[in-house]
Amino acid sequence: MTKTENETMMVIWKKCVFSENIYAWFESDLQPVFSNKMEDLMLPENRVTQQNHFANGDANENVYEVFAWNDSVHQHLYAGRLYTPKDSAKLV
């Protein structure tokens, strides 16, 4: 059997399969956006990101919950989930 040097893991979220080596933005009720640059995702400008965690409390590396400012309630509300490439800088 041939062993490859560059194995790519695939991620499954909301019935989408994508590479762990790209940015993926899942905003509620919209089509997901995939890109190799975070600037292309059109994330909310006034946002707060929070590390996602598994049910056991362990950090889900390179996965973040994004909260956008809502003027009508004067607080940040959940906007969606962001996946970042495994070798990208931490956001929080």
C-alpha atoms as a PDB file:
ATOM      1  CA  MET A   1       0.000   0.000   0.000  1.00  0.00           C
ATOM      2  CA  THR A   2       1.248   3.488  -0.886  1.00  0.00           C
ATOM      3  CA  LYS A   3       1.410   6.017   1.923  1.00  0.00           C
ATOM      4  CA  THR A   4       0.956   9.690   1.045  1.00  0.00           C
ATOM      5  CA  GLU A   5       2.844  12.485   2.763  1.00  0.00           C
ATOM      6  CA  ASN A   6       0.146  15.164   2.487  1.00  0.00           C
ATOM      7  CA  GLU A   7      -3.030  13.695   3.849  1.00  0.00           C
ATOM      8  CA  THR A   8      -5.963  16.104   3.961  1.00  0.00           C
ATOM      9  CA  MET A   9      -8.677  15.631   6.528  1.00  0.00           C
ATOM     10  CA  MET A  10     -12.223  16.396   5.519  1.00  0.00           C
ATOM     11  CA  VAL A  11     -14.747  18.117   7.781  1.00  0.00           C
ATOM     12  CA  ILE A  12     -18.498  17.522   7.725  1.00  0.00           C
ATOM     13  CA  TRP A  13     -20.827  20.248   9.022  1.00  0.00           C
ATOM     14  CA  LYS A  14     -24.474  20.866   8.102  1.00  0.00           C
ATOM     15  CA  LYS A  15     -24.358  18.248   5.321  1.00  0.00           C
ATOM     16  CA  CYS A  16     -21.313  19.916   3.683  1.00  0.00           C
ATOM     17  CA  VAL A  17     -17.976  18.213   3.244  1.00  0.00           C
ATOM     18  CA  PHE A  18     -14.929  20.467   2.960  1.00  0.00           C
ATOM     19  CA  SER A  19     -11.165  20.411   3.473  1.00  0.00           C
ATOM     20  CA  GLU A  20      -9.655  21.370   6.822  1.00  0.00           C
ATOM     21  CA  ASN A  21      -7.200  23.494   4.814  1.00  0.00           C
ATOM     22  CA  ILE A  22      -9.707  26.219   3.841  1.00  0.00           C
ATOM     23  CA  TYR A  23     -11.883  28.802   5.561  1.00  0.00           C
ATOM     24  CA  ALA A  24     -15.560  27.901   5.811  1.00  0.00           C
ATOM     25  CA  TRP A  25     -18.272  30.285   7.029  1.00  0.00           C
ATOM     26  CA  PHE A  26     -21.733  28.994   7.914  1.00  0.00           C
ATOM     27  CA  GLU A  27     -24.238  31.794   8.510  1.00  0.00           C
ATOM     28  CA  SER A  28     -27.765  30.935   9.569  1.00  0.00           C
ATOM     29  CA  ASP A  29     -30.179  30.297   6.657  1.00  0.00           C
ATOM     30  CA  LEU A  30     -27.567  31.169   4.000  1.00  0.00           C
ATOM     31  CA  GLN A  31     -25.394  29.083   1.727  1.00  0.00           C
ATOM     32  CA  PRO A  32     -21.963  28.363   3.231  1.00  0.00           C
ATOM     33  CA  VAL A  33     -18.972  30.284   1.902  1.00  0.00           C
ATOM     34  CA  PHE A  34     -15.615  28.558   1.298  1.00  0.00           C
ATOM     35  CA  SER A  35     -12.334  30.288   0.503  1.00  0.00           C
ATOM     36  CA  ASN A  36      -8.588  30.112   0.948  1.00  0.00           C
ATOM     37  CA  LYS A  37      -8.664  33.717   2.301  1.00  0.00           C
ATOM     38  CA  MET A  38     -10.672  34.860   5.312  1.00  0.00           C
ATOM     39  CA  GLU A  39     -11.325  38.262   3.672  1.00  0.00           C
ATOM     40  CA  ASP A  40     -13.500  36.544   1.031  1.00  0.00           C
ATOM     41  CA  LEU A  41     -15.986  35.200   3.596  1.00  0.00           C
ATOM     42  CA  MET A  42     -17.783  38.530   4.199  1.00  0.00           C
ATOM     43  CA  LEU A  43     -17.861  38.045   7.975  1.00  0.00           C
ATOM     44  CA  PRO A  44     -19.777  40.609  10.046  1.00  0.00           C
ATOM     45  CA  GLU A  45     -17.604  43.698  10.650  1.00  0.00           C
ATOM     46  CA  ASN A  46     -18.443  44.292  14.309  1.00  0.00           C
ATOM     47  CA  ARG A  47     -17.980  40.693  15.415  1.00  0.00           C
ATOM     48  CA  VAL A  48     -16.792  38.743  18.408  1.00  0.00           C
ATOM     49  CA  THR A  49     -15.356  35.256  17.993  1.00  0.00           C
ATOM     50  CA  GLN A  50     -15.434  32.529  20.603  1.00  0.00           C
ATOM     51  CA  GLN A  51     -13.606  29.200  20.548  1.00  0.00           C
ATOM     52  CA  ASN A  52     -15.948  26.254  19.943  1.00  0.00           C
ATOM     53  CA  HIS A  53     -15.753  23.374  22.443  1.00  0.00           C
ATOM     54  CA  PHE A  54     -16.780  19.744  22.340  1.00  0.00           C
ATOM     55  CA  ALA A  55     -19.406  18.486  24.817  1.00  0.00           C
ATOM     56  CA  ASN A  56     -16.604  17.254  27.123  1.00  0.00           C
ATOM     57  CA  GLY A  57     -15.133  20.766  27.348  1.00  0.00           C
ATOM     58  CA  ASP A  58     -12.114  20.223  25.083  1.00  0.00           C
ATOM     59  CA  ALA A  59     -11.397  22.998  22.583  1.00  0.00           C
ATOM     60  CA  ASN A  60     -12.485  22.231  19.024  1.00  0.00           C
ATOM     61  CA  GLU A  61      -9.324  23.495  17.333  1.00  0.00           C
ATOM     62  CA  ASN A  62      -9.776  26.031  14.516  1.00  0.00           C
ATOM     63  CA  VAL A  63     -13.559  26.194  14.973  1.00  0.00           C
ATOM     64  CA  TYR A  64     -15.197  29.391  16.212  1.00  0.00           C
ATOM     65  CA  GLU A  65     -18.661  30.703  16.982  1.00  0.00           C
ATOM     66  CA  VAL A  66     -19.183  34.209  15.588  1.00  0.00           C
ATOM     67  CA  PHE A  67     -21.409  36.843  17.179  1.00  0.00           C
ATOM     68  CA  ALA A  68     -22.431  40.033  15.314  1.00  0.00           C
ATOM     69  CA  TRP A  69     -23.564  43.304  16.859  1.00  0.00           C
ATOM     70  CA  ASN A  70     -27.324  43.849  16.667  1.00  0.00           C
ATOM     71  CA  ASP A  71     -28.355  47.510  16.974  1.00  0.00           C
ATOM     72  CA  SER A  72     -31.974  46.790  17.887  1.00  0.00           C
ATOM     73  CA  VAL A  73     -31.085  44.822  21.038  1.00  0.00           C
ATOM     74  CA  HIS A  74     -27.708  46.500  21.666  1.00  0.00           C
ATOM     75  CA  GLN A  75     -25.719  43.293  22.043  1.00  0.00           C
ATOM     76  CA  HIS A  76     -23.853  40.677  20.068  1.00  0.00           C
ATOM     77  CA  LEU A  77     -26.058  37.840  18.786  1.00  0.00           C
ATOM     78  CA  TYR A  78     -25.026  34.484  17.331  1.00  0.00           C
ATOM     79  CA  ALA A  79     -24.311  34.844  13.598  1.00  0.00           C
ATOM     80  CA  GLY A  80     -22.712  31.535  12.604  1.00  0.00           C
ATOM     81  CA  ARG A  81     -19.783  29.142  12.728  1.00  0.00           C
ATOM     82  CA  LEU A  82     -16.324  29.707  11.250  1.00  0.00           C
ATOM     83  CA  TYR A  83     -13.823  26.981  10.392  1.00  0.00           C
ATOM     84  CA  THR A  84     -10.224  28.079   9.827  1.00  0.00           C
ATOM     85  CA  PRO A  85      -7.351  26.135   8.284  1.00  0.00           C
ATOM     86  CA  LYS A  86      -5.432  24.001  10.750  1.00  0.00           C
ATOM     87  CA  ASP A  87      -2.261  26.056  10.275  1.00  0.00           C
ATOM     88  CA  SER A  88      -3.905  29.490  10.608  1.00  0.00           C
ATOM     89  CA  ALA A  89      -3.398  31.870  13.509  1.00  0.00           C
ATOM     90  CA  LYS A  90      -5.765  31.634  16.484  1.00  0.00           C
ATOM     91  CA  LEU A  91      -8.609  34.172  16.426  1.00  0.00           C
ATOM     92  CA  VAL A  92      -9.307  34.364  20.162  1.00  0.00           C
END
